[in-house]
Amino acid sequence: MTDPLLSKTARHMNLKPLRHFQLVAEELNYHKAAERAHLSQPAISHSIKALETKFGERLFDRSSRAVKLTPFGRGVLEHANNLLSEANNFETGVENLQLGASGRVSIGMATTVAEGIGGRAIVAFGKLRPKISFDVSVYNSNHILDRLSQELDHFVLCDAQTAASRQGLTVDNWGQQTGGFFCRPNHPILQMRNPTFSLAHSFGLVSFNVTNAVRRELETMLGIEGSTFPLLQIASDNLKMCRDISMASDHILIAEIANVQSDIETGNLVQIKLNHSFNRQLCIATKTSRMLPLPATLMISFLKENRQLLMD
């Protein structure tokens, strides 16, 4: 819905000063805002002063070394964000008409998704749409969801539970990754007839991504839920390091099978047959208020239509 306060303003002014105001409000630093706008600091200051003159009110309190929004500035920022988002959506709509099925898609992927199926998904879609190019960022789920909220990525593939806890996002369940427990060949646990999860835990667990739901489930099984006794002895976002630790020690690796499939095939890791396994729900998350470019919309449709093929 159009912002009534700034709709009138938008008809009588260039939106660039509002974008400059938005940058300064985000950074609370004129120098950093100028760098993001690829302008000089005096140019940014001139934009802000021009807005203050137009509105007849100060937008920032610059009485001290710190830059702070005034109460009036906070109110203007809310309306400016709405207007600039609407302007971005308009620009995206026009670009869709101009580009058709070409352009660039910016995707955020959780580490486990990227390692397991991300590359396969991009290659499969790229064969169908060779004119579309990709920017892919790979971090943990929380980090890529931050990027999504800041509109740095068009959509993200990540843990559904983590995404569902965020406001302002549309979360579509996409599929499941099956997890398990792995160790190096000749590990002592492989000599035991009926190894238990408690026994695996006694060797020390290492993992690069355990969601809250899986963590609670495993802690309940061990009887350590709510205690100070750690579930994981080593936790890291670096998948390779976690695998290396498990291959070089007695630590038991918790991982999605897709992420260690090549290590299983080469004999570097062996799956332990415990009386427990777990699944992780993945999702496609988008920012609800943002209109996506056509290439991103096409890729999301492709991922939904081919989820089973990509998961297998």
Protein backbone atom coordinates (compact mmCIF):
# COMPACT_ATOMS: atom_id res chain seq x y z
CA MET A 1 0.00 0.00 0.00
CA THR A 2 1.32 3.45 -0.91
CA ASP A 3 2.55 5.56 2.01
CA PRO A 4 0.16 8.58 2.06
CA LEU A 5 2.63 10.93 3.73
CA LEU A 6 5.48 10.50 1.25
CA SER A 7 3.44 9.83 -1.89
CA LYS A 8 2.91 13.55 -2.23
CA THR A 9 6.57 14.17 -1.40
CA ALA A 10 7.71 11.65 -4.03
CA ARG A 11 5.93 13.59 -6.77
CA HIS A 12 7.86 16.75 -5.93
CA MET A 13 11.39 15.53 -5.19
CA ASN A 14 14.20 13.34 -6.38
CA LEU A 15 14.37 10.11 -4.37
CA LYS A 16 18.17 10.22 -4.16
CA PRO A 17 18.23 12.50 -1.08
CA LEU A 18 15.88 10.07 0.67
CA ARG A 19 18.22 7.19 -0.20
CA HIS A 20 21.10 9.21 1.23
CA PHE A 21 19.06 9.87 4.37
CA GLN A 22 18.33 6.15 4.65
CA LEU A 23 22.03 5.29 4.40
CA VAL A 24 23.02 7.80 7.09
CA ALA A 25 20.22 6.49 9.32
CA GLU A 26 21.50 2.93 8.88
CA GLU A 27 25.16 3.76 9.47
CA LEU A 28 24.78 6.73 11.86
CA ASN A 29 28.01 7.81 10.26
CA TYR A 30 28.29 10.29 7.37
CA HIS A 31 31.62 8.94 6.14
CA LYS A 32 30.41 5.32 5.94
CA ALA A 33 27.15 6.40 4.32
CA ALA A 34 29.10 8.37 1.71
CA GLU A 35 31.24 5.31 0.93
CA ARG A 36 28.14 3.16 0.39
CA ALA A 37 26.65 5.84 -1.89
CA HIS A 38 29.98 6.26 -3.75
CA LEU A 39 29.88 9.97 -2.96
CA SER A 40 31.99 12.42 -0.99
CA GLN A 41 31.02 13.16 2.60
CA PRO A 42 30.20 16.83 1.78
CA ALA A 43 27.80 15.63 -0.93
CA ILE A 44 25.95 13.40 1.56
CA SER A 45 25.85 16.24 4.10
CA HIS A 46 24.43 18.55 1.42
CA SER A 47 21.64 16.03 0.66
CA ILE A 48 20.68 15.80 4.32
CA LYS A 49 20.72 19.58 4.79
CA ALA A 50 18.54 19.98 1.69
CA LEU A 51 15.99 17.56 3.15
CA GLU A 52 16.03 19.32 6.52
CA THR A 53 15.44 22.63 4.75
CA LYS A 54 12.57 21.13 2.76
CA PHE A 55 10.92 19.60 5.81
CA GLY A 56 11.73 22.48 8.13
CA GLU A 57 12.96 20.06 10.81
CA ARG A 58 16.26 18.47 11.81
CA LEU A 59 16.60 14.81 10.86
CA PHE A 60 19.76 14.12 12.88
CA ASP A 61 21.13 15.32 16.17
CA ARG A 62 24.74 16.29 15.50
CA SER A 63 25.38 18.13 18.74
CA SER A 64 27.90 15.49 19.87
CA ARG A 65 30.40 13.26 18.10
CA ALA A 66 27.70 10.60 17.71
CA VAL A 67 25.07 10.95 14.98
CA LYS A 68 21.55 10.21 16.20
CA LEU A 69 18.13 10.38 14.60
CA THR A 70 15.82 13.02 16.02
CA PRO A 71 12.25 11.95 16.89
CA PHE A 72 11.15 13.64 13.64
CA GLY A 73 13.91 11.81 11.78
CA ARG A 74 12.73 8.43 13.13
CA GLY A 75 9.23 9.14 11.87
CA VAL A 76 10.49 10.20 8.43
CA LEU A 77 12.70 7.10 8.23
CA GLU A 78 9.73 4.75 8.62
CA HIS A 79 7.88 6.47 5.76
CA ALA A 80 11.04 6.74 3.66
CA ASN A 81 11.68 3.01 4.00
CA ASN A 82 8.16 2.30 2.73
CA LEU A 83 8.51 4.66 -0.22
CA LEU A 84 11.96 3.46 -1.25
CA SER A 85 10.86 -0.16 -1.02
CA GLU A 86 7.93 0.68 -3.28
CA ALA A 87 10.30 2.43 -5.68
CA ASN A 88 12.58 -0.62 -5.73
CA ASN A 89 9.60 -2.84 -6.52
CA PHE A 90 8.66 -0.53 -9.39
CA GLU A 91 12.20 -0.65 -10.78
CA THR A 92 12.25 -4.43 -10.45
CA GLY A 93 8.94 -4.72 -12.31
CA VAL A 94 10.27 -2.64 -15.19
CA GLU A 95 13.49 -4.67 -15.27
CA ASN A 96 11.41 -7.86 -15.48
CA LEU A 97 9.69 -6.52 -18.57
CA GLN A 98 13.00 -5.47 -20.10
CA LEU A 99 15.05 -8.55 -19.29
CA GLY A 100 12.57 -11.36 -19.68
CA ALA A 101 14.26 -14.60 -18.63
CA SER A 102 17.76 -13.17 -18.33
CA GLY A 103 19.54 -11.32 -15.56
CA ARG A 104 21.21 -12.10 -12.26
CA VAL A 105 20.02 -14.00 -9.19
CA SER A 106 21.50 -13.41 -5.74
CA ILE A 107 21.07 -16.49 -3.52
CA GLY A 108 21.93 -17.13 0.11
CA MET A 109 22.60 -20.72 1.14
CA ALA A 110 23.18 -22.28 4.52
CA THR A 111 26.53 -24.05 4.63
CA THR A 112 24.99 -27.52 4.73
CA VAL A 113 22.68 -26.77 1.79
CA ALA A 114 25.52 -25.39 -0.32
CA GLU A 115 27.76 -28.37 0.42
CA GLY A 116 25.04 -30.95 -0.11
CA ILE A 117 22.79 -29.87 -2.98
CA GLY A 118 23.42 -26.20 -3.76
CA GLY A 119 25.80 -26.70 -6.64
CA ARG A 120 23.62 -29.36 -8.20
CA ALA A 121 20.58 -27.06 -8.05
CA ILE A 122 22.40 -24.16 -9.72
CA VAL A 123 23.82 -26.34 -12.50
CA ALA A 124 20.42 -27.92 -13.24
CA PHE A 125 18.65 -24.56 -13.41
CA GLY A 126 21.50 -22.97 -15.37
CA LYS A 127 21.14 -25.54 -18.14
CA LEU A 128 17.51 -24.49 -18.60
CA ARG A 129 18.22 -20.75 -18.31
CA PRO A 130 21.73 -20.14 -19.67
CA LYS A 131 21.23 -16.34 -19.80
CA ILE A 132 20.81 -16.13 -16.03
CA SER A 133 23.91 -15.67 -13.85
CA PHE A 134 24.30 -16.16 -10.10
CA ASP A 135 25.77 -14.55 -7.01
CA VAL A 136 25.84 -17.10 -4.17
CA SER A 137 26.63 -16.30 -0.53
CA VAL A 138 27.27 -19.18 1.87
CA TYR A 139 27.03 -18.71 5.64
CA ASN A 140 25.15 -20.20 8.57
CA SER A 141 21.36 -19.86 8.52
CA ASN A 142 21.22 -16.84 10.84
CA HIS A 143 23.74 -14.88 8.79
CA ILE A 144 22.07 -15.45 5.44
CA LEU A 145 18.68 -14.56 6.95
CA ASP A 146 20.21 -11.27 8.09
CA ARG A 147 21.36 -10.70 4.51
CA LEU A 148 17.86 -11.49 3.26
CA SER A 149 16.29 -8.96 5.62
CA GLN A 150 18.77 -6.36 4.34
CA GLU A 151 17.79 -7.27 0.75
CA LEU A 152 21.34 -8.35 -0.10
CA ASP A 153 20.01 -11.65 -1.48
CA HIS A 154 16.82 -12.33 -3.42
CA PHE A 155 16.04 -15.54 -1.53
CA VAL A 156 17.75 -18.05 0.72
CA LEU A 157 17.86 -21.82 1.19
CA CYS A 158 18.28 -22.67 4.84
CA ASP A 159 16.92 -24.39 7.93
CA ALA A 160 13.13 -23.92 8.09
CA GLN A 161 12.93 -23.67 11.86
CA THR A 162 15.44 -20.84 12.00
CA ALA A 163 13.68 -18.96 9.18
CA ALA A 164 10.26 -19.38 10.81
CA SER A 165 11.50 -17.55 13.91
CA ARG A 166 12.14 -14.38 11.87
CA GLN A 167 9.52 -11.72 11.19
CA GLY A 168 8.81 -10.26 7.76
CA LEU A 169 9.73 -13.40 5.82
CA THR A 170 7.74 -15.82 3.68
CA VAL A 171 8.90 -19.36 4.42
CA ASP A 172 8.07 -22.26 2.08
CA ASN A 173 9.13 -25.72 3.22
CA TRP A 174 11.28 -27.23 0.51
CA GLY A 175 12.48 -30.67 1.56
CA GLN A 176 14.41 -32.67 4.13
CA GLN A 177 18.03 -33.56 4.59
CA THR A 178 18.66 -36.82 6.43
CA GLY A 179 21.32 -36.72 9.12
CA GLY A 180 23.48 -39.35 10.75
CA PHE A 181 26.62 -40.07 12.79
CA PHE A 182 30.02 -40.73 11.23
CA CYS A 183 33.55 -41.65 12.27
CA ARG A 184 36.92 -42.57 10.80
CA PRO A 185 37.58 -46.16 9.67
CA ASN A 186 38.92 -48.42 12.46
CA HIS A 187 37.24 -46.30 15.11
CA PRO A 188 36.71 -48.30 18.36
CA ILE A 189 32.95 -47.77 18.22
CA LEU A 190 32.77 -49.82 14.99
CA GLN A 191 33.96 -52.91 16.90
CA MET A 192 30.98 -52.78 19.27
CA ARG A 193 27.93 -54.87 18.48
CA ASN A 194 25.15 -52.44 19.43
CA PRO A 195 26.62 -48.97 19.85
CA THR A 196 24.36 -46.42 21.50
CA PHE A 197 24.12 -42.68 21.14
CA SER A 198 25.37 -42.27 24.70
CA LEU A 199 28.48 -44.23 23.78
CA ALA A 200 29.01 -42.04 20.70
CA HIS A 201 28.67 -38.96 22.89
CA SER A 202 31.37 -40.25 25.23
CA PHE A 203 33.92 -40.00 22.40
CA GLY A 204 33.05 -36.32 21.89
CA LEU A 205 30.73 -34.95 19.21
CA VAL A 206 31.71 -32.53 16.46
CA SER A 207 29.22 -30.80 14.18
CA PHE A 208 28.94 -27.80 11.89
CA ASN A 209 25.18 -27.29 12.12
CA VAL A 210 22.84 -28.60 14.79
CA THR A 211 19.49 -26.82 14.80
CA ASN A 212 17.68 -26.06 18.06
CA ALA A 213 15.11 -28.79 17.41
CA VAL A 214 17.77 -31.45 16.76
CA ARG A 215 19.83 -30.22 19.71
CA ARG A 216 16.89 -30.55 22.10
CA GLU A 217 16.07 -34.00 20.73
CA LEU A 218 19.64 -35.22 21.22
CA GLU A 219 19.98 -33.65 24.68
CA THR A 220 16.75 -35.35 25.76
CA MET A 221 18.07 -38.71 24.56
CA LEU A 222 21.24 -38.21 26.57
CA GLY A 223 19.41 -36.92 29.63
CA ILE A 224 21.43 -33.69 29.65
CA GLU A 225 18.68 -31.28 28.59
CA GLY A 226 19.01 -28.05 30.54
CA SER A 227 22.29 -29.09 32.14
CA THR A 228 25.71 -27.49 31.67
CA PHE A 229 27.10 -30.70 30.20
CA PRO A 230 27.82 -29.94 26.51
CA LEU A 231 26.18 -31.83 23.68
CA LEU A 232 28.96 -30.85 21.29
CA GLN A 233 32.60 -30.80 22.22
CA ILE A 234 33.42 -28.97 18.97
CA ALA A 235 31.06 -26.84 16.88
CA SER A 236 32.00 -24.86 13.79
CA ASP A 237 30.48 -23.36 10.65
CA ASN A 238 33.38 -24.77 8.67
CA LEU A 239 32.29 -28.07 7.20
CA LYS A 240 35.75 -29.16 6.05
CA MET A 241 37.28 -28.60 9.48
CA CYS A 242 34.59 -30.70 11.16
CA ARG A 243 35.17 -33.55 8.71
CA ASP A 244 38.94 -33.30 9.15
CA ILE A 245 38.62 -33.47 12.94
CA SER A 246 36.48 -36.59 12.73
CA MET A 247 38.87 -38.27 10.27
CA ALA A 248 41.92 -37.52 12.44
CA SER A 249 40.51 -38.34 15.89
CA ASP A 250 37.93 -40.36 17.79
CA HIS A 251 35.37 -37.54 17.64
CA ILE A 252 32.00 -38.55 16.21
CA LEU A 253 30.70 -36.31 13.44
CA ILE A 254 27.03 -35.29 13.28
CA ALA A 255 26.20 -34.36 9.69
CA GLU A 256 23.67 -34.55 6.89
CA ILE A 257 24.42 -37.59 4.72
CA ALA A 258 24.53 -35.44 1.56
CA ASN A 259 27.38 -33.40 3.05
CA VAL A 260 29.68 -36.39 3.60
CA GLN A 261 28.61 -38.67 0.76
CA SER A 262 31.92 -38.31 -1.08
CA ASP A 263 33.86 -39.14 2.10
CA ILE A 264 31.73 -42.25 2.60
CA GLU A 265 32.33 -43.35 -0.99
CA THR A 266 36.10 -42.90 -0.68
CA GLY A 267 36.19 -44.67 2.69
CA ASN A 268 37.37 -41.65 4.68
CA LEU A 269 34.26 -41.76 6.86
CA VAL A 270 31.97 -44.57 7.96
CA GLN A 271 28.37 -44.17 9.06
CA ILE A 272 27.72 -45.56 12.53
CA LYS A 273 24.60 -47.69 12.90
CA LEU A 274 23.03 -46.12 15.97
CA ASN A 275 19.45 -46.48 17.13
CA HIS A 276 18.81 -42.87 16.18
CA SER A 277 18.79 -40.62 13.12
CA PHE A 278 17.36 -37.20 12.39
CA ASN A 279 15.98 -35.12 9.56
CA ARG A 280 16.32 -31.39 8.98
CA GLN A 281 13.57 -29.42 7.25
CA LEU A 282 14.85 -27.01 4.62
CA CYS A 283 13.00 -24.01 3.23
CA ILE A 284 13.02 -21.30 0.60
CA ALA A 285 12.71 -17.95 2.40
CA THR A 286 11.98 -14.57 0.82
CA LYS A 287 11.36 -11.12 2.22
CA THR A 288 7.59 -10.70 2.24
CA SER A 289 7.52 -7.02 1.24
CA ARG A 290 10.00 -7.36 -1.62
CA MET A 291 9.10 -7.86 -5.27
CA LEU A 292 11.59 -10.28 -6.81
CA PRO A 293 13.13 -9.99 -10.28
CA LEU A 294 11.88 -12.49 -12.81
CA PRO A 295 15.09 -14.63 -12.83
CA ALA A 296 14.77 -15.17 -9.06
CA THR A 297 11.08 -16.05 -9.39
CA LEU A 298 11.87 -18.53 -12.15
CA MET A 299 14.56 -20.22 -10.07
CA ILE A 300 12.30 -20.49 -7.03
CA SER A 301 9.63 -22.15 -9.19
CA PHE A 302 12.24 -24.53 -10.58
CA LEU A 303 13.43 -25.48 -7.08
CA LYS A 304 9.88 -26.18 -5.92
CA GLU A 305 9.01 -28.24 -8.98
CA ASN A 306 12.21 -30.32 -8.82
CA ARG A 307 12.72 -30.63 -5.08
CA GLN A 308 12.60 -34.43 -5.06
CA LEU A 309 15.03 -34.78 -7.95
CA LEU A 310 17.52 -32.39 -6.29
CA MET A 311 17.20 -34.03 -2.88
CA ASP A 312 17.89 -37.57 -4.14
